[in-house]
Structure formats: structure tokens, C-alpha cells
Protein backbone atom coordinates (compact mmCIF):
# COMPACT_ATOMS: atom_id res chain seq x y z
CA MET A 1 112.89 107.98 106.73
CA LYS A 2 115.91 108.38 104.10
CA GLY A 3 117.25 112.07 103.46
CA SER A 4 120.06 114.23 103.73
CA ILE A 5 121.54 115.51 106.80
CA LYS A 6 123.74 118.65 107.43
CA ILE A 7 125.28 118.86 110.96
CA VAL A 8 124.81 122.24 112.19
CA GLY A 9 125.73 121.77 116.09
CA THR A 10 128.32 119.86 117.94
CA ASN A 11 130.43 119.62 121.20
CA GLU A 12 134.02 119.00 121.52
CA THR A 13 133.48 115.03 121.47
CA THR A 14 131.74 115.40 118.20
CA LYS A 15 133.53 118.17 116.37
CA HIS A 16 134.49 115.79 113.45
CA LEU A 17 131.14 115.74 112.22
CA ARG A 18 130.93 119.68 112.42
CA ASN A 19 129.51 121.28 109.24
CA LYS A 20 129.50 118.12 107.33
CA LEU A 21 126.84 117.20 104.86
CA PHE A 22 125.54 113.49 104.51
CA GLU A 23 123.44 112.95 101.26
CA LYS A 24 122.57 109.15 101.77
CA SER A 25 121.21 109.09 105.39
CA SER A 26 118.57 107.14 106.98
CA LEU A 27 116.95 107.59 110.64
CA ILE A 28 114.84 104.44 111.84
CA SER A 29 113.09 105.03 114.99
CA GLU A 30 111.84 101.88 116.62
CA SER A 31 111.83 102.69 120.50
CA ILE A 32 113.02 105.68 122.49
CA VAL A 33 116.62 105.33 120.88
CA SER A 34 116.79 105.71 117.35
CA THR A 35 119.21 104.37 114.91
CA LEU A 36 121.02 106.96 112.25
CA TYR A 37 123.02 105.91 109.27
CA LEU A 38 125.48 108.67 107.92
CA ASN A 39 126.83 107.38 104.57
CA GLU A 40 126.20 103.68 105.91
CA LYS A 41 128.37 104.46 108.94
CA LYS A 42 125.66 103.22 112.09
CA TYR A 43 125.20 105.44 115.11
CA ILE A 44 122.70 105.40 117.92
CA LEU A 45 120.90 108.91 118.28
CA ASP A 46 119.01 109.78 121.58
CA ILE A 47 116.81 112.69 120.30
CA LYS A 48 116.13 115.45 122.93
CA GLU A 49 114.62 118.05 120.91
CA THR A 50 112.63 118.10 117.25
CA HIS A 51 111.65 121.21 115.77
CA PHE A 52 109.77 121.27 112.52
CA ARG A 53 110.90 123.91 109.74
CA LYS A 54 109.32 124.85 106.54
CA ASP A 55 111.53 122.10 104.42
CA HIS A 56 113.29 119.97 107.08
CA LEU A 57 113.41 119.02 110.68
CA LEU A 58 115.81 120.30 113.09
CA ILE A 59 116.97 117.61 115.35
CA ALA A 60 118.99 117.72 118.54
CA GLY A 61 120.29 115.07 120.89
CA MET A 62 123.06 112.47 122.04
CA ILE A 63 124.98 110.60 119.31
CA SER A 64 127.23 107.49 120.03
CA ASP A 65 129.19 105.09 117.67
CA ASP A 66 129.90 101.40 118.44
CA GLU A 67 133.45 102.56 119.26
CA ALA A 68 134.31 105.22 121.77
CA PHE A 69 132.32 108.50 121.71
CA VAL A 70 129.28 109.70 122.98
CA GLY A 71 128.37 113.39 122.35
CA ASN A 72 126.03 116.06 121.43
CA VAL A 73 124.80 116.81 117.85
CA ALA A 74 122.21 119.08 116.21
CA PHE A 75 121.43 118.40 112.43
CA GLU A 76 119.17 119.51 109.75
CA PHE A 77 117.22 116.40 108.18
CA TYR A 78 116.00 117.10 104.56
CA ILE A 79 113.55 114.11 103.77
CA GLN A 80 113.85 112.83 100.05
């Protein structure tokens, strides 16, 4: 799925993402773990909760990059 993402929740590890808006995002789920692209940067996402809202999805889970961090994240996903 392609869309825009607004980060609405983080922990200390992922605070660099807090309150950011990513216009060009995609979420690819081919197994239990998903791939999330935020402005073409690749992250691994383990989705723990999904809530359906009127105009977006609210998704919460564990996010990691290929480098050094793993942390919590919650975001609103607006499908394009």
C-alpha cells in the first residue's frame, strides 16, 4: 500500500521520528513482519495493533532499521 504516514507515538529510541510526516511511504506485508518505506528509507515493522478509523489506519508496533535501533512506533496511515 502507498500513502502518507504521520508518526503519533514513539519511545525514547525512536524519538527522532516523533511528529514527523512522510508523504511518500509504502507498507509491504508479505509475512508476519512488514517492510515500511518512509521517504525511500527502509524499515522493518512488526505490527502489534491495527485500528481502522474513518479516513486512516492507526498502526502500532516495533520498528527497526538495518543499522542500530529497535523501538516502538505508532502512526496514522493515509492511503493514497
